[in-house]
Amino acid sequence: LVISPSNKTLDQIAMKHALDLPRSIRSFVYGSGAMKRGGAGVL
């Protein structure tokens, strides 16, 4: 029996809370594109 996330992608949820990350980590990953839609998987 497999139970896994439905309805929403976890990337979308993470993007909504991106600013909750400490400023130092946001700065650390910003250049990689993690703060943008296509790279939110890292978040």
All heavy atoms as atom14 arrays in JSON, in Angstrom:
{
  "sequence": "LVISPSNKTLDQIAMKHALDLPRSIRSFVYGSGAMKRGGAGVL",
  "atom14_mask": [
    [1, 1, 1, 1, 1, 1, 1, 1, 0, 0, 0, 0, 0, 0],
    [1, 1, 1, 1, 1, 1, 1, 0, 0, 0, 0, 0, 0, 0],
    [1, 1, 1, 1, 1, 1, 1, 1, 0, 0, 0, 0, 0, 0],
    [1, 1, 1, 1, 1, 1, 0, 0, 0, 0, 0, 0, 0, 0],
    [1, 1, 1, 1, 1, 1, 1, 0, 0, 0, 0, 0, 0, 0],
    [1, 1, 1, 1, 1, 1, 0, 0, 0, 0, 0, 0, 0, 0],
    [1, 1, 1, 1, 1, 1, 1, 1, 0, 0, 0, 0, 0, 0],
    [1, 1, 1, 1, 1, 1, 1, 1, 1, 0, 0, 0, 0, 0],
    [1, 1, 1, 1, 1, 1, 1, 0, 0, 0, 0, 0, 0, 0],
    [1, 1, 1, 1, 1, 1, 1, 1, 0, 0, 0, 0, 0, 0],
    [1, 1, 1, 1, 1, 1, 1, 1, 0, 0, 0, 0, 0, 0],
    [1, 1, 1, 1, 1, 1, 1, 1, 1, 0, 0, 0, 0, 0],
    [1, 1, 1, 1, 1, 1, 1, 1, 0, 0, 0, 0, 0, 0],
    [1, 1, 1, 1, 1, 0, 0, 0, 0, 0, 0, 0, 0, 0],
    [1, 1, 1, 1, 1, 1, 1, 1, 0, 0, 0, 0, 0, 0],
    [1, 1, 1, 1, 1, 1, 1, 1, 1, 0, 0, 0, 0, 0],
    [1, 1, 1, 1, 1, 1, 1, 1, 1, 1, 0, 0, 0, 0],
    [1, 1, 1, 1, 1, 0, 0, 0, 0, 0, 0, 0, 0, 0],
    [1, 1, 1, 1, 1, 1, 1, 1, 0, 0, 0, 0, 0, 0],
    [1, 1, 1, 1, 1, 1, 1, 1, 0, 0, 0, 0, 0, 0],
    [1, 1, 1, 1, 1, 1, 1, 1, 0, 0, 0, 0, 0, 0],
    [1, 1, 1, 1, 1, 1, 1, 0, 0, 0, 0, 0, 0, 0],
    [1, 1, 1, 1, 1, 1, 1, 1, 1, 1, 1, 0, 0, 0],
    [1, 1, 1, 1, 1, 1, 0, 0, 0, 0, 0, 0, 0, 0],
    [1, 1, 1, 1, 1, 1, 1, 1, 0, 0, 0, 0, 0, 0],
    [1, 1, 1, 1, 1, 1, 1, 1, 1, 1, 1, 0, 0, 0],
    [1, 1, 1, 1, 1, 1, 0, 0, 0, 0, 0, 0, 0, 0],
    [1, 1, 1, 1, 1, 1, 1, 1, 1, 1, 1, 0, 0, 0],
    [1, 1, 1, 1, 1, 1, 1, 0, 0, 0, 0, 0, 0, 0],
    [1, 1, 1, 1, 1, 1, 1, 1, 1, 1, 1, 1, 0, 0],
    [1, 1, 1, 1, 0, 0, 0, 0, 0, 0, 0, 0, 0, 0],
    [1, 1, 1, 1, 1, 1, 0, 0, 0, 0, 0, 0, 0, 0],
    [1, 1, 1, 1, 0, 0, 0, 0, 0, 0, 0, 0, 0, 0],
    [1, 1, 1, 1, 1, 0, 0, 0, 0, 0, 0, 0, 0, 0],
    [1, 1, 1, 1, 1, 1, 1, 1, 0, 0, 0, 0, 0, 0],
    [1, 1, 1, 1, 1, 1, 1, 1, 1, 0, 0, 0, 0, 0],
    [1, 1, 1, 1, 1, 1, 1, 1, 1, 1, 1, 0, 0, 0],
    [1, 1, 1, 1, 0, 0, 0, 0, 0, 0, 0, 0, 0, 0],
    [1, 1, 1, 1, 0, 0, 0, 0, 0, 0, 0, 0, 0, 0],
    [1, 1, 1, 1, 1, 0, 0, 0, 0, 0, 0, 0, 0, 0],
    [1, 1, 1, 1, 0, 0, 0, 0, 0, 0, 0, 0, 0, 0],
    [1, 1, 1, 1, 1, 1, 1, 0, 0, 0, 0, 0, 0, 0],
    [1, 1, 1, 1, 1, 1, 1, 1, 0, 0, 0, 0, 0, 0]
  ],
  "atom14_positions": [
    [[0.86, -1.18, 0.0], [0.0, 0.0, 0.0], [0.9, 1.23, 0.0], [1.74, 1.4, 0.89], [-0.91, 0.02, 1.23], [-1.84, 1.24, 1.35], [-2.81, 1.3, 0.17], [-2.6, 1.22, 2.67], [0.0, 0.0, 0.0], [0.0, 0.0, 0.0], [0.0, 0.0, 0.0], [0.0, 0.0, 0.0], [0.0, 0.0, 0.0], [0.0, 0.0, 0.0]],
    [[0.73, 2.07, -1.0], [1.56, 3.27, -1.15], [0.73, 4.51, -0.86], [-0.37, 4.67, -1.4], [2.16, 3.37, -2.57], [3.05, 4.6, -2.69], [2.94, 2.1, -2.9], [0.0, 0.0, 0.0], [0.0, 0.0, 0.0], [0.0, 0.0, 0.0], [0.0, 0.0, 0.0], [0.0, 0.0, 0.0], [0.0, 0.0, 0.0], [0.0, 0.0, 0.0]],
    [[1.25, 5.37, -0.01], [0.61, 6.66, 0.26], [1.63, 7.75, -0.05], [2.71, 7.78, 0.53], [0.15, 6.77, 1.73], [-0.81, 5.62, 2.06], [-0.54, 8.12, 1.97], [-1.22, 5.59, 3.52], [0.0, 0.0, 0.0], [0.0, 0.0, 0.0], [0.0, 0.0, 0.0], [0.0, 0.0, 0.0], [0.0, 0.0, 0.0], [0.0, 0.0, 0.0]],
    [[1.29, 8.62, -0.96], [2.2, 9.68, -1.36], [1.42, 10.95, -1.68], [0.19, 10.9, -1.86], [3.04, 9.25, -2.58], [2.2, 8.81, -3.63], [0.0, 0.0, 0.0], [0.0, 0.0, 0.0], [0.0, 0.0, 0.0], [0.0, 0.0, 0.0], [0.0, 0.0, 0.0], [0.0, 0.0, 0.0], [0.0, 0.0, 0.0], [0.0, 0.0, 0.0]],
    [[2.09, 12.1, -1.73], [1.39, 13.38, -1.88], [0.52, 13.47, -3.13], [0.88, 12.99, -4.2], [2.54, 14.39, -1.95], [3.67, 13.72, -1.24], [3.54, 12.27, -1.54], [0.0, 0.0, 0.0], [0.0, 0.0, 0.0], [0.0, 0.0, 0.0], [0.0, 0.0, 0.0], [0.0, 0.0, 0.0], [0.0, 0.0, 0.0], [0.0, 0.0, 0.0]],
    [[-0.63, 14.09, -2.96], [-1.55, 14.3, -4.08], [-1.94, 15.78, -4.14], [-1.59, 16.57, -3.26], [-2.82, 13.45, -3.89], [-3.49, 13.84, -2.7], [0.0, 0.0, 0.0], [0.0, 0.0, 0.0], [0.0, 0.0, 0.0], [0.0, 0.0, 0.0], [0.0, 0.0, 0.0], [0.0, 0.0, 0.0], [0.0, 0.0, 0.0], [0.0, 0.0, 0.0]],
    [[-2.67, 16.12, -5.16], [-3.24, 17.47, -5.34], [-2.2, 18.54, -5.63], [-2.24, 19.2, -6.65], [-4.08, 17.89, -4.12], [-5.24, 16.95, -3.88], [-5.79, 16.39, -4.82], [-5.6, 16.76, -2.62], [0.0, 0.0, 0.0], [0.0, 0.0, 0.0], [0.0, 0.0, 0.0], [0.0, 0.0, 0.0], [0.0, 0.0, 0.0], [0.0, 0.0, 0.0]],
    [[-1.3, 18.76, -4.71], [-0.3, 19.82, -4.89], [1.08, 19.22, -5.1], [1.39, 18.15, -4.61], [-0.25, 20.71, -3.65], [-1.56, 21.41, -3.31], [-1.37, 22.23, -2.04], [-2.65, 22.94, -1.64], [-2.48, 23.72, -0.39], [0.0, 0.0, 0.0], [0.0, 0.0, 0.0], [0.0, 0.0, 0.0], [0.0, 0.0, 0.0], [0.0, 0.0, 0.0]],
    [[1.91, 19.91, -5.85], [3.3, 19.5, -5.91], [4.02, 20.11, -4.72], [3.73, 21.24, -4.31], [3.98, 19.96, -7.21], [4.08, 21.38, -7.2], [3.18, 19.51, -8.43], [0.0, 0.0, 0.0], [0.0, 0.0, 0.0], [0.0, 0.0, 0.0], [0.0, 0.0, 0.0], [0.0, 0.0, 0.0], [0.0, 0.0, 0.0], [0.0, 0.0, 0.0]],
    [[4.94, 19.38, -4.15], [5.66, 19.87, -2.98], [6.53, 21.07, -3.34], [6.82, 21.92, -2.48], [6.5, 18.75, -2.39], [5.73, 17.49, -1.96], [6.63, 16.57, -1.15], [4.49, 17.84, -1.18], [0.0, 0.0, 0.0], [0.0, 0.0, 0.0], [0.0, 0.0, 0.0], [0.0, 0.0, 0.0], [0.0, 0.0, 0.0], [0.0, 0.0, 0.0]],
    [[6.95, 21.15, -4.6], [7.72, 22.31, -5.04], [6.9, 23.59, -4.91], [7.42, 24.64, -4.5], [8.17, 22.13, -6.5], [9.14, 20.98, -6.67], [9.41, 20.28, -5.67], [9.61, 20.77, -7.8], [0.0, 0.0, 0.0], [0.0, 0.0, 0.0], [0.0, 0.0, 0.0], [0.0, 0.0, 0.0], [0.0, 0.0, 0.0], [0.0, 0.0, 0.0]],
    [[5.61, 23.51, -5.26], [4.75, 24.69, -5.18], [4.57, 25.13, -3.73], [4.58, 26.32, -3.42], [3.39, 24.38, -5.8], [3.43, 24.22, -7.32], [2.09, 23.76, -7.87], [1.25, 23.23, -7.16], [1.9, 23.96, -9.17], [0.0, 0.0, 0.0], [0.0, 0.0, 0.0], [0.0, 0.0, 0.0], [0.0, 0.0, 0.0], [0.0, 0.0, 0.0]],
    [[4.4, 24.15, -2.84], [4.25, 24.47, -1.42], [5.54, 25.11, -0.9], [5.5, 26.09, -0.15], [3.9, 23.21, -0.61], [2.58, 22.62, -1.09], [3.83, 23.53, 0.88], [2.22, 21.3, -0.41], [0.0, 0.0, 0.0], [0.0, 0.0, 0.0], [0.0, 0.0, 0.0], [0.0, 0.0, 0.0], [0.0, 0.0, 0.0], [0.0, 0.0, 0.0]],
    [[6.68, 24.55, -1.31], [7.96, 25.1, -0.86], [8.14, 26.53, -1.36], [8.64, 27.4, -0.62], [9.1, 24.22, -1.36], [0.0, 0.0, 0.0], [0.0, 0.0, 0.0], [0.0, 0.0, 0.0], [0.0, 0.0, 0.0], [0.0, 0.0, 0.0], [0.0, 0.0, 0.0], [0.0, 0.0, 0.0], [0.0, 0.0, 0.0], [0.0, 0.0, 0.0]],
    [[7.74, 26.79, -2.59], [7.89, 28.13, -3.15], [7.09, 29.14, -2.35], [7.52, 30.28, -2.14], [7.42, 28.12, -4.61], [7.91, 29.31, -5.41], [9.7, 29.28, -5.62], [10.08, 31.03, -5.65], [0.0, 0.0, 0.0], [0.0, 0.0, 0.0], [0.0, 0.0, 0.0], [0.0, 0.0, 0.0], [0.0, 0.0, 0.0], [0.0, 0.0, 0.0]],
    [[5.92, 28.73, -1.86], [5.07, 29.62, -1.07], [5.74, 30.02, 0.24], [5.5, 31.1, 0.78], [3.73, 28.91, -0.79], [2.71, 29.8, -0.11], [1.34, 29.13, -0.1], [1.32, 27.96, 0.84], [-0.06, 27.4, 1.0], [0.0, 0.0, 0.0], [0.0, 0.0, 0.0], [0.0, 0.0, 0.0], [0.0, 0.0, 0.0], [0.0, 0.0, 0.0]],
    [[6.6, 29.13, 0.76], [7.26, 29.39, 2.05], [8.74, 29.74, 1.88], [9.49, 29.71, 2.86], [7.14, 28.16, 2.94], [5.73, 27.83, 3.33], [5.06, 28.48, 4.35], [4.85, 26.92, 2.83], [3.84, 27.98, 4.46], [3.69, 27.04, 3.55], [0.0, 0.0, 0.0], [0.0, 0.0, 0.0], [0.0, 0.0, 0.0], [0.0, 0.0, 0.0]],
    [[9.15, 30.08, 0.67], [10.57, 30.31, 0.39], [11.19, 31.38, 1.29], [12.34, 31.25, 1.74], [10.76, 30.68, -1.07], [0.0, 0.0, 0.0], [0.0, 0.0, 0.0], [0.0, 0.0, 0.0], [0.0, 0.0, 0.0], [0.0, 0.0, 0.0], [0.0, 0.0, 0.0], [0.0, 0.0, 0.0], [0.0, 0.0, 0.0], [0.0, 0.0, 0.0]],
    [[10.43, 32.42, 1.59], [10.98, 33.52, 2.4], [11.12, 33.15, 3.87], [11.68, 33.92, 4.65], [10.1, 34.76, 2.25], [10.09, 35.39, 0.85], [9.19, 36.62, 0.83], [11.5, 35.75, 0.39], [0.0, 0.0, 0.0], [0.0, 0.0, 0.0], [0.0, 0.0, 0.0], [0.0, 0.0, 0.0], [0.0, 0.0, 0.0], [0.0, 0.0, 0.0]],
    [[10.62, 31.98, 4.26], [10.82, 31.52, 5.64], [12.25, 31.05, 5.88], [12.7, 30.98, 7.03], [9.86, 30.36, 5.96], [8.4, 30.81, 6.01], [8.17, 32.03, 6.1], [7.51, 29.95, 5.97], [0.0, 0.0, 0.0], [0.0, 0.0, 0.0], [0.0, 0.0, 0.0], [0.0, 0.0, 0.0], [0.0, 0.0, 0.0], [0.0, 0.0, 0.0]],
    [[12.96, 30.74, 4.8], [14.36, 30.33, 4.95], [15.17, 31.49, 5.51], [14.93, 32.65, 5.17], [14.94, 29.93, 3.59], [14.94, 28.46, 3.19], [15.55, 28.33, 1.8], [15.69, 27.58, 4.18], [0.0, 0.0, 0.0], [0.0, 0.0, 0.0], [0.0, 0.0, 0.0], [0.0, 0.0, 0.0], [0.0, 0.0, 0.0], [0.0, 0.0, 0.0]],
    [[16.15, 31.2, 6.36], [17.03, 32.27, 6.85], [17.7, 32.99, 5.69], [17.99, 32.4, 4.65], [18.06, 31.5, 7.69], [17.35, 30.26, 8.12], [16.46, 29.89, 6.98], [0.0, 0.0, 0.0], [0.0, 0.0, 0.0], [0.0, 0.0, 0.0], [0.0, 0.0, 0.0], [0.0, 0.0, 0.0], [0.0, 0.0, 0.0], [0.0, 0.0, 0.0]],
    [[17.94, 34.29, 5.87], [18.5, 35.11, 4.8], [19.83, 34.56, 4.28], [20.11, 34.6, 3.08], [18.7, 36.55, 5.3], [19.17, 37.52, 4.22], [19.43, 38.89, 4.81], [18.2, 39.47, 5.31], [17.35, 40.19, 4.57], [17.61, 40.39, 3.29], [16.26, 40.7, 5.1], [0.0, 0.0, 0.0], [0.0, 0.0, 0.0], [0.0, 0.0, 0.0]],
    [[20.64, 34.01, 5.18], [21.94, 33.48, 4.76], [21.78, 32.34, 3.77], [22.52, 32.25, 2.78], [22.73, 33.0, 5.98], [22.0, 32.0, 6.68], [0.0, 0.0, 0.0], [0.0, 0.0, 0.0], [0.0, 0.0, 0.0], [0.0, 0.0, 0.0], [0.0, 0.0, 0.0], [0.0, 0.0, 0.0], [0.0, 0.0, 0.0], [0.0, 0.0, 0.0]],
    [[20.8, 31.46, 4.0], [20.59, 30.32, 3.1], [19.94, 30.78, 1.8], [20.28, 30.29, 0.72], [19.73, 29.24, 3.79], [20.39, 28.78, 5.09], [19.53, 28.04, 2.86], [21.78, 28.21, 4.91], [0.0, 0.0, 0.0], [0.0, 0.0, 0.0], [0.0, 0.0, 0.0], [0.0, 0.0, 0.0], [0.0, 0.0, 0.0], [0.0, 0.0, 0.0]],
    [[19.04, 31.76, 1.88], [18.45, 32.3, 0.66], [19.54, 32.9, -0.23], [19.53, 32.7, -1.46], [17.39, 33.37, 0.99], [16.19, 32.84, 1.74], [14.96, 33.72, 1.53], [15.2, 35.13, 1.81], [15.01, 35.71, 3.0], [14.61, 34.97, 4.03], [15.22, 36.99, 3.17], [0.0, 0.0, 0.0], [0.0, 0.0, 0.0], [0.0, 0.0, 0.0]],
    [[20.45, 33.62, 0.38], [21.56, 34.2, -0.38], [22.46, 33.11, -0.96], [22.96, 33.23, -2.09], [22.38, 35.14, 0.51], [21.58, 36.17, 1.05], [0.0, 0.0, 0.0], [0.0, 0.0, 0.0], [0.0, 0.0, 0.0], [0.0, 0.0, 0.0], [0.0, 0.0, 0.0], [0.0, 0.0, 0.0], [0.0, 0.0, 0.0], [0.0, 0.0, 0.0]],
    [[22.64, 32.06, -0.18], [23.52, 30.96, -0.57], [23.0, 30.24, -1.82], [23.77, 29.84, -2.69], [23.64, 29.98, 0.6], [24.55, 28.83, 0.36], [25.92, 29.0, 0.23], [24.05, 27.53, 0.28], [26.76, 27.92, 0.02], [24.89, 26.45, 0.07], [26.25, 26.66, -0.06], [0.0, 0.0, 0.0], [0.0, 0.0, 0.0], [0.0, 0.0, 0.0]],
    [[21.66, 30.07, -1.91], [21.08, 29.3, -3.02], [20.51, 30.18, -4.12], [20.08, 29.67, -5.17], [19.97, 28.35, -2.5], [20.53, 27.4, -1.46], [18.78, 29.12, -1.94], [0.0, 0.0, 0.0], [0.0, 0.0, 0.0], [0.0, 0.0, 0.0], [0.0, 0.0, 0.0], [0.0, 0.0, 0.0], [0.0, 0.0, 0.0], [0.0, 0.0, 0.0]],
    [[20.5, 31.5, -3.91], [19.84, 32.4, -4.87], [20.42, 32.27, -6.28], [19.69, 32.15, -7.27], [19.93, 33.84, -4.39], [19.22, 34.82, -5.29], [17.85, 35.02, -5.19], [19.93, 35.54, -6.26], [17.18, 35.9, -6.03], [19.27, 36.42, -7.11], [17.9, 36.6, -6.99], [17.25, 37.46, -7.82], [0.0, 0.0, 0.0], [0.0, 0.0, 0.0]],
    [[21.72, 32.3, -6.38], [22.36, 32.25, -7.69], [22.11, 30.96, -8.45], [22.22, 30.93, -9.68], [0.0, 0.0, 0.0], [0.0, 0.0, 0.0], [0.0, 0.0, 0.0], [0.0, 0.0, 0.0], [0.0, 0.0, 0.0], [0.0, 0.0, 0.0], [0.0, 0.0, 0.0], [0.0, 0.0, 0.0], [0.0, 0.0, 0.0], [0.0, 0.0, 0.0]],
    [[21.75, 29.91, -7.73], [21.5, 28.62, -8.39], [20.14, 28.55, -9.05], [19.86, 27.63, -9.81], [21.6, 27.49, -7.36], [20.5, 27.54, -6.45], [0.0, 0.0, 0.0], [0.0, 0.0, 0.0], [0.0, 0.0, 0.0], [0.0, 0.0, 0.0], [0.0, 0.0, 0.0], [0.0, 0.0, 0.0], [0.0, 0.0, 0.0], [0.0, 0.0, 0.0]],
    [[19.28, 29.54, -8.75], [17.93, 29.53, -9.3], [16.91, 28.86, -8.41], [15.76, 28.65, -8.8], [0.0, 0.0, 0.0], [0.0, 0.0, 0.0], [0.0, 0.0, 0.0], [0.0, 0.0, 0.0], [0.0, 0.0, 0.0], [0.0, 0.0, 0.0], [0.0, 0.0, 0.0], [0.0, 0.0, 0.0], [0.0, 0.0, 0.0], [0.0, 0.0, 0.0]],
    [[17.3, 28.52, -7.17], [16.41, 27.81, -6.26], [15.23, 28.66, -5.81], [14.2, 28.12, -5.41], [17.18, 27.33, -5.03], [0.0, 0.0, 0.0], [0.0, 0.0, 0.0], [0.0, 0.0, 0.0], [0.0, 0.0, 0.0], [0.0, 0.0, 0.0], [0.0, 0.0, 0.0], [0.0, 0.0, 0.0], [0.0, 0.0, 0.0], [0.0, 0.0, 0.0]],
    [[15.36, 29.98, -5.88], [14.28, 30.86, -5.43], [13.29, 31.15, -6.56], [12.34, 31.91, -6.37], [14.85, 32.17, -4.89], [15.81, 32.0, -3.72], [15.03, 31.25, -2.28], [13.94, 32.58, -1.76], [0.0, 0.0, 0.0], [0.0, 0.0, 0.0], [0.0, 0.0, 0.0], [0.0, 0.0, 0.0], [0.0, 0.0, 0.0], [0.0, 0.0, 0.0]],
    [[13.51, 30.54, -7.71], [12.6, 30.71, -8.83], [11.78, 29.43, -9.03], [12.13, 28.37, -8.54], [13.39, 31.04, -10.1], [14.19, 32.35, -9.99], [14.98, 32.62, -11.25], [15.78, 33.91, -11.12], [16.6, 34.19, -12.33], [0.0, 0.0, 0.0], [0.0, 0.0, 0.0], [0.0, 0.0, 0.0], [0.0, 0.0, 0.0], [0.0, 0.0, 0.0]],
    [[10.71, 29.54, -9.79], [9.75, 28.46, -9.95], [10.4, 27.15, -10.39], [10.14, 26.09, -9.84], [8.68, 28.88, -10.96], [7.62, 27.82, -11.22], [6.54, 28.36, -12.13], [5.61, 27.3, -12.53], [5.76, 26.53, -13.59], [6.83, 26.71, -14.37], [4.89, 25.6, -13.89], [0.0, 0.0, 0.0], [0.0, 0.0, 0.0], [0.0, 0.0, 0.0]],
    [[11.27, 27.2, -11.36], [11.84, 25.97, -11.9], [12.81, 25.26, -10.97], [13.07, 24.07, -11.14], [0.0, 0.0, 0.0], [0.0, 0.0, 0.0], [0.0, 0.0, 0.0], [0.0, 0.0, 0.0], [0.0, 0.0, 0.0], [0.0, 0.0, 0.0], [0.0, 0.0, 0.0], [0.0, 0.0, 0.0], [0.0, 0.0, 0.0], [0.0, 0.0, 0.0]],
    [[13.34, 25.99, -9.98], [14.34, 25.39, -9.1], [13.87, 25.17, -7.69], [14.67, 24.87, -6.8], [0.0, 0.0, 0.0], [0.0, 0.0, 0.0], [0.0, 0.0, 0.0], [0.0, 0.0, 0.0], [0.0, 0.0, 0.0], [0.0, 0.0, 0.0], [0.0, 0.0, 0.0], [0.0, 0.0, 0.0], [0.0, 0.0, 0.0], [0.0, 0.0, 0.0]],
    [[12.56, 25.31, -7.46], [12.04, 25.22, -6.1], [12.15, 23.83, -5.5], [11.97, 23.66, -4.29], [10.57, 25.67, -6.07], [0.0, 0.0, 0.0], [0.0, 0.0, 0.0], [0.0, 0.0, 0.0], [0.0, 0.0, 0.0], [0.0, 0.0, 0.0], [0.0, 0.0, 0.0], [0.0, 0.0, 0.0], [0.0, 0.0, 0.0], [0.0, 0.0, 0.0]],
    [[12.47, 22.85, -6.33], [12.64, 21.5, -5.81], [13.72, 21.42, -4.74], [13.6, 20.67, -3.77], [0.0, 0.0, 0.0], [0.0, 0.0, 0.0], [0.0, 0.0, 0.0], [0.0, 0.0, 0.0], [0.0, 0.0, 0.0], [0.0, 0.0, 0.0], [0.0, 0.0, 0.0], [0.0, 0.0, 0.0], [0.0, 0.0, 0.0], [0.0, 0.0, 0.0]],
    [[14.77, 22.21, -4.91], [15.84, 22.25, -3.91], [15.29, 22.75, -2.58], [15.62, 22.22, -1.51], [17.0, 23.15, -4.39], [18.01, 23.38, -3.27], [17.69, 22.53, -5.6], [0.0, 0.0, 0.0], [0.0, 0.0, 0.0], [0.0, 0.0, 0.0], [0.0, 0.0, 0.0], [0.0, 0.0, 0.0], [0.0, 0.0, 0.0], [0.0, 0.0, 0.0]],
    [[14.44, 23.78, -2.63], [13.85, 24.32, -1.41], [13.02, 23.27, -0.68], [13.01, 23.21, 0.55], [12.96, 25.52, -1.73], [13.63, 26.77, -2.32], [12.6, 27.87, -2.49], [14.78, 27.24, -1.43], [0.0, 0.0, 0.0], [0.0, 0.0, 0.0], [0.0, 0.0, 0.0], [0.0, 0.0, 0.0], [0.0, 0.0, 0.0], [0.0, 0.0, 0.0]]
  ]
}
